[in-house]
Amino acid sequence: MTHPDLGSLVLYNAPQSTCSQRVRYALHHKGLGFEERKLDLFTGDQLKPDYLALNPNGVVPTLLHDGEPVIDSAVILEYLEDVAGDLAPLRPKDPLEIARMRAMMRFIDEVPAGAIRVPSYNLAFLPHYQAMTEGEFRALCDSKPLRREFLMKMGRTGFPKPEMDEALSRLQRGIDRMAGWLAESGGPWLMGRELGLADVMILPVIVRMEDIGLDHLWRDAPQIGDWQIGDWLASMQASPAYRKTYYHGSLLTEKYPHLRQSLKAGSAA
């Protein structure tokens, strides 16, 4: 049931964070006013004591509702349905359909959403870490409760080819599963005629893949058949919530000029 007066909503997030983008999209889709506080992840805003008091995991996003923190993007999305479910609902009412949706969300988080971090870090973030000393890098890894092992695997030389190949394989599995959902539901959205949380969850993954030149993973996938994920993406991009979510600086190629140049060079080679 929708709360008649939602009160104050404050979103701590980062423009390029895919998890932040999920929550921004849902808030804008529902027309909920909120104060956006942008954190600079490279300068360690997410690791400062005042932020860790809200989110001990030291990651974004965090939603404050009347001063009370809600953490983890998937949890926040469900929370918004709990408190504002009547405003442009993104969750079905039938319990079986809710269960199907949550299974989709779990798969998205476990497979493509986790995998996209590997090429993202290698392509965009590695130069920042290469500029550090080994001691500085290890101290950074130790300061990140949820990302320590991930960063240690990457190191200051980047993820090796086997790690990249595994991530690309997981992304392909995500694309194939998404194509299957569209075919099964009849579209235009993953669960049929109504836009849902699963669409919002996977949107930033697809946008990131397109941004860093991995869109060929769905354009050439025979499993997609008659369904073109580009049509799904074009529909998402046409929504008012998308334009508000992806303001300038939200894409990696907008934030890091070196990435855009390297992608251009790679495509020309």
C-alpha atoms as a PDB file:
ATOM      1  CA  MET A   1       0.000   0.000   0.000  1.00  0.00           C
ATOM      2  CA  THR A   2       1.230   3.484  -0.812  1.00  0.00           C
ATOM      3  CA  HIS A   3       2.067   5.744   2.088  1.00  0.00           C
ATOM      4  CA  PRO A   4      -0.007   8.935   1.734  1.00  0.00           C
ATOM      5  CA  ASP A   5       3.030  11.079   2.532  1.00  0.00           C
ATOM      6  CA  LEU A   6       6.366   9.517   1.761  1.00  0.00           C
ATOM      7  CA  GLY A   7       8.300  12.220   3.534  1.00  0.00           C
ATOM      8  CA  SER A   8      11.961  12.877   2.771  1.00  0.00           C
ATOM      9  CA  LEU A   9      13.921  10.772   0.288  1.00  0.00           C
ATOM     10  CA  VAL A  10      17.690  11.224  -0.050  1.00  0.00           C
ATOM     11  CA  LEU A  11      19.704   9.077  -2.454  1.00  0.00           C
ATOM     12  CA  TYR A  12      23.440   8.664  -1.937  1.00  0.00           C
ATOM     13  CA  ASN A  13      24.790   7.394  -5.226  1.00  0.00           C
ATOM     14  CA  ALA A  14      27.377   7.780  -7.981  1.00  0.00           C
ATOM     15  CA  PRO A  15      26.465   8.836 -11.542  1.00  0.00           C
ATOM     16  CA  GLN A  16      28.268   5.958 -13.291  1.00  0.00           C
ATOM     17  CA  SER A  17      27.312   3.259 -10.773  1.00  0.00           C
ATOM     18  CA  THR A  18      25.038   0.696 -12.432  1.00  0.00           C
ATOM     19  CA  CYS A  19      23.392  -0.103  -9.104  1.00  0.00           C
ATOM     20  CA  SER A  20      22.740   3.601  -8.540  1.00  0.00           C
ATOM     21  CA  GLN A  21      21.215   3.893 -12.004  1.00  0.00           C
ATOM     22  CA  ARG A  22      18.659   1.217 -11.159  1.00  0.00           C
ATOM     23  CA  VAL A  23      17.383   3.159  -8.199  1.00  0.00           C
ATOM     24  CA  ARG A  24      17.446   6.521  -9.958  1.00  0.00           C
ATOM     25  CA  TYR A  25      15.329   5.031 -12.746  1.00  0.00           C
ATOM     26  CA  ALA A  26      12.740   3.626 -10.329  1.00  0.00           C
ATOM     27  CA  LEU A  27      12.474   6.898  -8.411  1.00  0.00           C
ATOM     28  CA  HIS A  28      12.011   8.912 -11.603  1.00  0.00           C
ATOM     29  CA  HIS A  29       9.594   6.338 -13.040  1.00  0.00           C
ATOM     30  CA  LYS A  30       7.393   6.725  -9.990  1.00  0.00           C
ATOM     31  CA  GLY A  31       7.701  10.496 -10.056  1.00  0.00           C
ATOM     32  CA  LEU A  32       9.128  10.574  -6.540  1.00  0.00           C
ATOM     33  CA  GLY A  33      11.011  13.693  -5.600  1.00  0.00           C
ATOM     34  CA  PHE A  34      14.347  13.029  -3.936  1.00  0.00           C
ATOM     35  CA  GLU A  35      17.558  14.783  -3.017  1.00  0.00           C
ATOM     36  CA  GLU A  36      20.520  13.329  -4.876  1.00  0.00           C
ATOM     37  CA  ARG A  37      23.878  13.308  -3.129  1.00  0.00           C
ATOM     38  CA  LYS A  38      26.624  12.297  -5.524  1.00  0.00           C
ATOM     39  CA  LEU A  39      29.619  10.452  -4.118  1.00  0.00           C
ATOM     40  CA  ASP A  40      33.056  10.405  -5.735  1.00  0.00           C
ATOM     41  CA  LEU A  41      34.053   6.769  -5.453  1.00  0.00           C
ATOM     42  CA  PHE A  42      37.659   7.347  -6.490  1.00  0.00           C
ATOM     43  CA  THR A  43      38.267   9.848  -3.704  1.00  0.00           C
ATOM     44  CA  GLY A  44      36.683   7.436  -1.236  1.00  0.00           C
ATOM     45  CA  ASP A  45      33.491   9.259  -0.306  1.00  0.00           C
ATOM     46  CA  GLN A  46      31.820   5.868   0.194  1.00  0.00           C
ATOM     47  CA  LEU A  47      34.445   4.889   2.782  1.00  0.00           C
ATOM     48  CA  LYS A  48      34.175   7.937   5.018  1.00  0.00           C
ATOM     49  CA  PRO A  49      32.884   7.319   8.546  1.00  0.00           C
ATOM     50  CA  ASP A  50      29.673   9.285   8.074  1.00  0.00           C
ATOM     51  CA  TYR A  51      28.723   7.226   5.025  1.00  0.00           C
ATOM     52  CA  LEU A  52      29.798   3.912   6.559  1.00  0.00           C
ATOM     53  CA  ALA A  53      27.477   4.718   9.454  1.00  0.00           C
ATOM     54  CA  LEU A  54      24.642   4.553   6.895  1.00  0.00           C
ATOM     55  CA  ASN A  55      25.998   1.716   4.765  1.00  0.00           C
ATOM     56  CA  PRO A  56      28.675  -0.441   6.443  1.00  0.00           C
ATOM     57  CA  ASN A  57      29.364  -2.191   3.126  1.00  0.00           C
ATOM     58  CA  GLY A  58      30.893   0.993   1.734  1.00  0.00           C
ATOM     59  CA  VAL A  59      29.102   0.813  -1.604  1.00  0.00           C
ATOM     60  CA  VAL A  60      26.400   2.806  -3.357  1.00  0.00           C
ATOM     61  CA  PRO A  61      23.516   3.384  -3.425  1.00  0.00           C
ATOM     62  CA  THR A  62      21.927   4.124  -0.075  1.00  0.00           C
ATOM     63  CA  LEU A  63      18.418   5.531   0.209  1.00  0.00           C
ATOM     64  CA  LEU A  64      17.475   7.550   3.258  1.00  0.00           C
ATOM     65  CA  HIS A  65      13.743   7.588   3.947  1.00  0.00           C
ATOM     66  CA  ASP A  66      12.992  10.108   6.660  1.00  0.00           C
ATOM     67  CA  GLY A  67      16.536   9.590   7.891  1.00  0.00           C
ATOM     68  CA  GLU A  68      16.382   5.772   7.951  1.00  0.00           C
ATOM     69  CA  PRO A  69      18.833   4.016   5.586  1.00  0.00           C
ATOM     70  CA  VAL A  70      17.849   1.317   3.100  1.00  0.00           C
ATOM     71  CA  ILE A  71      20.815  -0.361   1.403  1.00  0.00           C
ATOM     72  CA  ASP A  72      21.416  -2.659  -1.594  1.00  0.00           C
ATOM     73  CA  SER A  73      19.880  -1.607  -4.901  1.00  0.00           C
ATOM     74  CA  ALA A  74      17.623  -4.665  -5.268  1.00  0.00           C
ATOM     75  CA  VAL A  75      16.353  -4.202  -1.721  1.00  0.00           C
ATOM     76  CA  ILE A  76      15.736  -0.509  -2.372  1.00  0.00           C
ATOM     77  CA  LEU A  77      13.718  -1.308  -5.494  1.00  0.00           C
ATOM     78  CA  GLU A  78      11.488  -3.669  -3.524  1.00  0.00           C
ATOM     79  CA  TYR A  79      11.222  -1.149  -0.696  1.00  0.00           C
ATOM     80  CA  LEU A  80       9.955   1.500  -3.106  1.00  0.00           C
ATOM     81  CA  GLU A  81       7.237  -0.912  -4.200  1.00  0.00           C
ATOM     82  CA  ASP A  82       6.335  -1.487  -0.555  1.00  0.00           C
ATOM     83  CA  VAL A  83       5.958   2.214   0.250  1.00  0.00           C
ATOM     84  CA  ALA A  84       4.900   3.561  -3.154  1.00  0.00           C
ATOM     85  CA  GLY A  85       3.439   0.545  -4.918  1.00  0.00           C
ATOM     86  CA  ASP A  86       0.464   2.435  -6.318  1.00  0.00           C
ATOM     87  CA  LEU A  87       2.680   4.958  -8.102  1.00  0.00           C
ATOM     88  CA  ALA A  88       3.580   3.547 -11.522  1.00  0.00           C
ATOM     89  CA  PRO A  89       3.907   0.008 -10.113  1.00  0.00           C
ATOM     90  CA  LEU A  90       6.887  -2.101 -11.142  1.00  0.00           C
ATOM     91  CA  ARG A  91       5.850  -5.270  -9.314  1.00  0.00           C
ATOM     92  CA  PRO A  92       2.936  -7.576 -10.269  1.00  0.00           C
ATOM     93  CA  LYS A  93       0.232  -8.400  -7.755  1.00  0.00           C
ATOM     94  CA  ASP A  94      -0.041 -12.154  -8.282  1.00  0.00           C
ATOM     95  CA  PRO A  95       2.264 -14.035  -5.854  1.00  0.00           C
ATOM     96  CA  LEU A  96       3.453 -16.470  -8.535  1.00  0.00           C
ATOM     97  CA  GLU A  97       4.302 -13.604 -10.857  1.00  0.00           C
ATOM     98  CA  ILE A  98       6.169 -11.880  -8.029  1.00  0.00           C
ATOM     99  CA  ALA A  99       8.141 -15.080  -7.469  1.00  0.00           C
ATOM    100  CA  ARG A 100       8.990 -15.268 -11.184  1.00  0.00           C
ATOM    101  CA  MET A 101      10.110 -11.658 -11.142  1.00  0.00           C
ATOM    102  CA  ARG A 102      12.299 -12.176  -8.092  1.00  0.00           C
ATOM    103  CA  ALA A 103      13.927 -15.212  -9.703  1.00  0.00           C
ATOM    104  CA  MET A 104      14.761 -13.010 -12.707  1.00  0.00           C
ATOM    105  CA  MET A 105      16.190 -10.346 -10.423  1.00  0.00           C
ATOM    106  CA  ARG A 106      18.346 -12.899  -8.621  1.00  0.00           C
ATOM    107  CA  PHE A 107      19.715 -14.225 -11.917  1.00  0.00           C
ATOM    108  CA  ILE A 108      20.453 -10.708 -13.143  1.00  0.00           C
ATOM    109  CA  ASP A 109      22.390  -9.859  -9.993  1.00  0.00           C
ATOM    110  CA  GLU A 110      24.298 -13.140  -9.943  1.00  0.00           C
ATOM    111  CA  VAL A 111      25.222 -13.429 -13.636  1.00  0.00           C
ATOM    112  CA  PRO A 112      25.263 -10.359 -15.955  1.00  0.00           C
ATOM    113  CA  ALA A 113      25.330  -7.622 -13.297  1.00  0.00           C
ATOM    114  CA  GLY A 114      28.318  -9.191 -11.582  1.00  0.00           C
ATOM    115  CA  ALA A 115      30.084  -9.950 -14.848  1.00  0.00           C
ATOM    116  CA  ILE A 116      29.900  -6.408 -16.238  1.00  0.00           C
ATOM    117  CA  ARG A 117      32.236  -5.201 -13.495  1.00  0.00           C
ATOM    118  CA  VAL A 118      35.199  -7.068 -15.008  1.00  0.00           C
ATOM    119  CA  PRO A 119      35.362  -5.317 -18.422  1.00  0.00           C
ATOM    120  CA  SER A 120      34.251  -2.057 -16.787  1.00  0.00           C
ATOM    121  CA  TYR A 121      37.190  -2.077 -14.388  1.00  0.00           C
ATOM    122  CA  ASN A 122      39.688  -3.230 -17.006  1.00  0.00           C
ATOM    123  CA  LEU A 123      38.639  -0.646 -19.568  1.00  0.00           C
ATOM    124  CA  ALA A 124      37.793   2.407 -17.476  1.00  0.00           C
ATOM    125  CA  PHE A 125      39.165   2.184 -13.958  1.00  0.00           C
ATOM    126  CA  LEU A 126      42.515   0.402 -14.338  1.00  0.00           C
ATOM    127  CA  PRO A 127      44.574   3.541 -15.138  1.00  0.00           C
ATOM    128  CA  HIS A 128      43.531   4.993 -11.779  1.00  0.00           C
ATOM    129  CA  TYR A 129      44.829   1.931  -9.943  1.00  0.00           C
ATOM    130  CA  GLN A 130      47.992   1.720 -12.040  1.00  0.00           C
ATOM    131  CA  ALA A 131      48.916   5.197 -10.836  1.00  0.00           C
ATOM    132  CA  MET A 132      49.013   3.927  -7.240  1.00  0.00           C
ATOM    133  CA  THR A 133      51.904   2.302  -5.456  1.00  0.00           C
ATOM    134  CA  GLU A 134      51.483  -1.335  -4.494  1.00  0.00           C
ATOM    135  CA  GLY A 135      51.028  -0.304  -0.870  1.00  0.00           C
ATOM    136  CA  GLU A 136      48.361   2.251  -1.738  1.00  0.00           C
ATOM    137  CA  PHE A 137      46.509  -0.286  -3.843  1.00  0.00           C
ATOM    138  CA  ARG A 138      46.530  -2.932  -1.096  1.00  0.00           C
ATOM    139  CA  ALA A 139      45.312  -0.375   1.423  1.00  0.00           C
ATOM    140  CA  LEU A 140      42.488   0.523  -0.948  1.00  0.00           C
ATOM    141  CA  CYS A 141      41.526  -3.139  -1.356  1.00  0.00           C
ATOM    142  CA  ASP A 142      41.518  -3.652   2.402  1.00  0.00           C
ATOM    143  CA  SER A 143      39.232  -0.654   2.851  1.00  0.00           C
ATOM    144  CA  LYS A 144      36.466  -2.100   0.636  1.00  0.00           C
ATOM    145  CA  PRO A 145      34.393  -4.688   2.539  1.00  0.00           C
ATOM    146  CA  LEU A 146      32.484  -6.058  -0.474  1.00  0.00           C
ATOM    147  CA  ARG A 147      35.053  -5.567  -3.245  1.00  0.00           C
ATOM    148  CA  ARG A 148      38.381  -6.562  -1.630  1.00  0.00           C
ATOM    149  CA  GLU A 149      38.793  -9.963  -3.305  1.00  0.00           C
ATOM    150  CA  PHE A 150      37.503  -8.627  -6.608  1.00  0.00           C
ATOM    151  CA  LEU A 151      40.104  -5.837  -6.655  1.00  0.00           C
ATOM    152  CA  MET A 152      42.881  -8.145  -5.508  1.00  0.00           C
ATOM    153  CA  LYS A 153      42.153 -10.437  -8.469  1.00  0.00           C
ATOM    154  CA  MET A 154      42.365  -7.470 -10.803  1.00  0.00           C
ATOM    155  CA  GLY A 155      45.559  -6.111  -9.294  1.00  0.00           C
ATOM    156  CA  ARG A 156      47.354  -3.161 -10.843  1.00  0.00           C
ATOM    157  CA  THR A 157      47.772  -4.948 -14.182  1.00  0.00           C
ATOM    158  CA  GLY A 158      44.125  -5.721 -14.837  1.00  0.00           C
ATOM    159  CA  PHE A 159      42.114  -8.892 -15.062  1.00  0.00           C
ATOM    160  CA  PRO A 160      43.872 -11.539 -17.163  1.00  0.00           C
ATOM    161  CA  LYS A 161      42.354 -12.942 -20.347  1.00  0.00           C
ATOM    162  CA  PRO A 162      40.744 -15.993 -18.654  1.00  0.00           C
ATOM    163  CA  GLU A 163      38.877 -13.674 -16.247  1.00  0.00           C
ATOM    164  CA  MET A 164      37.738 -11.457 -19.115  1.00  0.00           C
ATOM    165  CA  ASP A 165      36.644 -14.468 -21.173  1.00  0.00           C
ATOM    166  CA  GLU A 166      34.641 -15.805 -18.228  1.00  0.00           C
ATOM    167  CA  ALA A 167      32.956 -12.431 -17.728  1.00  0.00           C
ATOM    168  CA  LEU A 168      32.048 -12.220 -21.415  1.00  0.00           C
ATOM    169  CA  SER A 169      30.629 -15.732 -21.241  1.00  0.00           C
ATOM    170  CA  ARG A 170      28.466 -14.757 -18.276  1.00  0.00           C
ATOM    171  CA  LEU A 171      27.295 -11.645 -20.103  1.00  0.00           C
ATOM    172  CA  GLN A 172      26.364 -13.788 -23.101  1.00  0.00           C
ATOM    173  CA  ARG A 173      24.373 -16.107 -20.834  1.00  0.00           C
ATOM    174  CA  GLY A 174      22.589 -13.062 -19.464  1.00  0.00           C
ATOM    175  CA  ILE A 175      21.731 -11.875 -22.970  1.00  0.00           C
ATOM    176  CA  ASP A 176      20.503 -15.320 -23.965  1.00  0.00           C
ATOM    177  CA  ARG A 177      18.328 -15.586 -20.866  1.00  0.00           C
ATOM    178  CA  MET A 178      16.936 -12.108 -21.499  1.00  0.00           C
ATOM    179  CA  ALA A 179      16.074 -13.062 -25.074  1.00  0.00           C
ATOM    180  CA  GLY A 180      14.283 -16.140 -23.756  1.00  0.00           C
ATOM    181  CA  TRP A 181      12.271 -14.084 -21.290  1.00  0.00           C
ATOM    182  CA  LEU A 182      11.173 -11.727 -24.065  1.00  0.00           C
ATOM    183  CA  ALA A 183      10.173 -14.603 -26.317  1.00  0.00           C
ATOM    184  CA  GLU A 184       8.296 -16.371 -23.531  1.00  0.00           C
ATOM    185  CA  SER A 185       6.428 -13.292 -22.315  1.00  0.00           C
ATOM    186  CA  GLY A 186       5.586 -11.975 -25.771  1.00  0.00           C
ATOM    187  CA  GLY A 187       7.078  -8.607 -24.798  1.00  0.00           C
ATOM    188  CA  PRO A 188       7.462  -5.764 -25.013  1.00  0.00           C
ATOM    189  CA  TRP A 189       8.927  -6.139 -21.504  1.00  0.00           C
ATOM    190  CA  LEU A 190      10.568  -9.084 -19.791  1.00  0.00           C
ATOM    191  CA  MET A 191       7.356 -10.166 -18.088  1.00  0.00           C
ATOM    192  CA  GLY A 192       4.963  -9.125 -20.815  1.00  0.00           C
ATOM    193  CA  ARG A 193       2.950  -5.967 -21.237  1.00  0.00           C
ATOM    194  CA  GLU A 194       3.965  -4.271 -17.986  1.00  0.00           C
ATOM    195  CA  LEU A 195       7.364  -2.748 -17.274  1.00  0.00           C
ATOM    196  CA  GLY A 196       8.775  -4.372 -14.161  1.00  0.00           C
ATOM    197  CA  LEU A 197      11.651  -4.484 -11.712  1.00  0.00           C
ATOM    198  CA  ALA A 198      13.502  -7.074 -13.794  1.00  0.00           C
ATOM    199  CA  ASP A 199      13.637  -4.589 -16.691  1.00  0.00           C
ATOM    200  CA  VAL A 200      14.942  -1.898 -14.349  1.00  0.00           C
ATOM    201  CA  MET A 201      17.533  -4.286 -12.906  1.00  0.00           C
ATOM    202  CA  ILE A 202      19.051  -5.294 -16.233  1.00  0.00           C
ATOM    203  CA  LEU A 203      18.824  -1.890 -17.940  1.00  0.00           C
ATOM    204  CA  PRO A 204      22.147  -0.540 -16.580  1.00  0.00           C
ATOM    205  CA  VAL A 205      23.935  -3.726 -17.655  1.00  0.00           C
ATOM    206  CA  ILE A 206      22.710  -3.360 -21.236  1.00  0.00           C
ATOM    207  CA  VAL A 207      23.502   0.369 -21.281  1.00  0.00           C
ATOM    208  CA  ARG A 208      27.013  -0.303 -19.952  1.00  0.00           C
ATOM    209  CA  MET A 209      27.593  -3.034 -22.537  1.00  0.00           C
ATOM    210  CA  GLU A 210      26.599  -0.685 -25.331  1.00  0.00           C
ATOM    211  CA  ASP A 211      28.733   2.088 -23.855  1.00  0.00           C
ATOM    212  CA  ILE A 212      31.920   0.001 -23.760  1.00  0.00           C
ATOM    213  CA  GLY A 213      31.458  -1.679 -27.134  1.00  0.00           C
ATOM    214  CA  LEU A 214      29.987  -5.029 -26.098  1.00  0.00           C
ATOM    215  CA  ASP A 215      26.650  -4.621 -27.874  1.00  0.00           C
ATOM    216  CA  HIS A 216      27.740  -7.207 -30.454  1.00  0.00           C
ATOM    217  CA  LEU A 217      26.985  -9.842 -27.812  1.00  0.00           C
ATOM    218  CA  TRP A 218      23.274  -9.390 -28.462  1.00  0.00           C
ATOM    219  CA  ARG A 219      23.258  -8.165 -32.037  1.00  0.00           C
ATOM    220  CA  ASP A 220      24.761 -11.408 -33.272  1.00  0.00           C
ATOM    221  CA  ALA A 221      23.098 -13.802 -30.816  1.00  0.00           C
ATOM    222  CA  PRO A 222      20.943 -16.346 -32.693  1.00  0.00           C
ATOM    223  CA  GLN A 223      19.031 -17.128 -29.488  1.00  0.00           C
ATOM    224  CA  ILE A 224      17.295 -13.752 -29.733  1.00  0.00           C
ATOM    225  CA  GLY A 225      15.429 -14.839 -32.894  1.00  0.00           C
ATOM    226  CA  ASP A 226      12.769 -12.366 -33.940  1.00  0.00           C
ATOM    227  CA  TRP A 227      13.202 -10.316 -30.771  1.00  0.00           C
ATOM    228  CA  GLN A 228      15.661  -7.480 -31.091  1.00  0.00           C
ATOM    229  CA  ILE A 229      16.979  -6.327 -27.754  1.00  0.00           C
ATOM    230  CA  GLY A 230      17.691  -3.005 -29.432  1.00  0.00           C
ATOM    231  CA  ASP A 231      13.911  -2.495 -29.636  1.00  0.00           C
ATOM    232  CA  TRP A 232      13.642  -3.144 -25.900  1.00  0.00           C
ATOM    233  CA  LEU A 233      16.521  -0.782 -25.220  1.00  0.00           C
ATOM    234  CA  ALA A 234      15.105   1.886 -27.538  1.00  0.00           C
ATOM    235  CA  SER A 235      11.795   1.724 -25.658  1.00  0.00           C
ATOM    236  CA  MET A 236      13.580   2.101 -22.326  1.00  0.00           C
ATOM    237  CA  GLN A 237      15.640   4.996 -23.660  1.00  0.00           C
ATOM    238  CA  ALA A 238      12.490   6.742 -24.899  1.00  0.00           C
ATOM    239  CA  SER A 239      11.020   6.909 -21.410  1.00  0.00           C
ATOM    240  CA  PRO A 240      11.175  10.158 -19.404  1.00  0.00           C
ATOM    241  CA  ALA A 241      12.703   8.239 -16.487  1.00  0.00           C
ATOM    242  CA  TYR A 242      15.641   7.153 -18.659  1.00  0.00           C
ATOM    243  CA  ARG A 243      16.528  10.669 -19.706  1.00  0.00           C
ATOM    244  CA  LYS A 244      16.455  11.832 -16.094  1.00  0.00           C
ATOM    245  CA  THR A 245      18.475   8.853 -14.900  1.00  0.00           C
ATOM    246  CA  TYR A 246      21.207   9.069 -17.510  1.00  0.00           C
ATOM    247  CA  TYR A 247      22.162  12.706 -17.238  1.00  0.00           C
ATOM    248  CA  HIS A 248      25.497  13.755 -18.745  1.00  0.00           C
ATOM    249  CA  GLY A 249      28.341  12.031 -16.967  1.00  0.00           C
ATOM    250  CA  SER A 250      26.425   8.835 -16.241  1.00  0.00           C
ATOM    251  CA  LEU A 251      28.158   6.869 -19.011  1.00  0.00           C
ATOM    252  CA  LEU A 252      31.739   5.720 -18.605  1.00  0.00           C
ATOM    253  CA  THR A 253      32.693   7.191 -21.975  1.00  0.00           C
ATOM    254  CA  GLU A 254      31.417  10.577 -20.802  1.00  0.00           C
ATOM    255  CA  LYS A 255      33.400  10.396 -17.582  1.00  0.00           C
ATOM    256  CA  TYR A 256      36.654   8.957 -18.940  1.00  0.00           C
ATOM    257  CA  PRO A 257      37.832  10.422 -22.281  1.00  0.00           C
ATOM    258  CA  HIS A 258      40.636   7.840 -22.527  1.00  0.00           C
ATOM    259  CA  LEU A 259      38.029   5.102 -22.745  1.00  0.00           C
ATOM    260  CA  ARG A 260      36.212   6.675 -25.668  1.00  0.00           C
ATOM    261  CA  GLN A 261      39.487   7.088 -27.544  1.00  0.00           C
ATOM    262  CA  SER A 262      40.582   3.508 -26.882  1.00  0.00           C
ATOM    263  CA  LEU A 263      37.216   2.165 -28.037  1.00  0.00           C
ATOM    264  CA  LYS A 264      37.422   4.193 -31.227  1.00  0.00           C
ATOM    265  CA  ALA A 265      40.937   2.941 -31.844  1.00  0.00           C
ATOM    266  CA  GLY A 266      39.853  -0.646 -31.241  1.00  0.00           C
ATOM    267  CA  SER A 267      36.936  -0.421 -33.666  1.00  0.00           C
ATOM    268  CA  ALA A 268      39.147   1.127 -36.337  1.00  0.00           C
ATOM    269  CA  ALA A 269      41.805  -1.562 -36.002  1.00  0.00           C
END
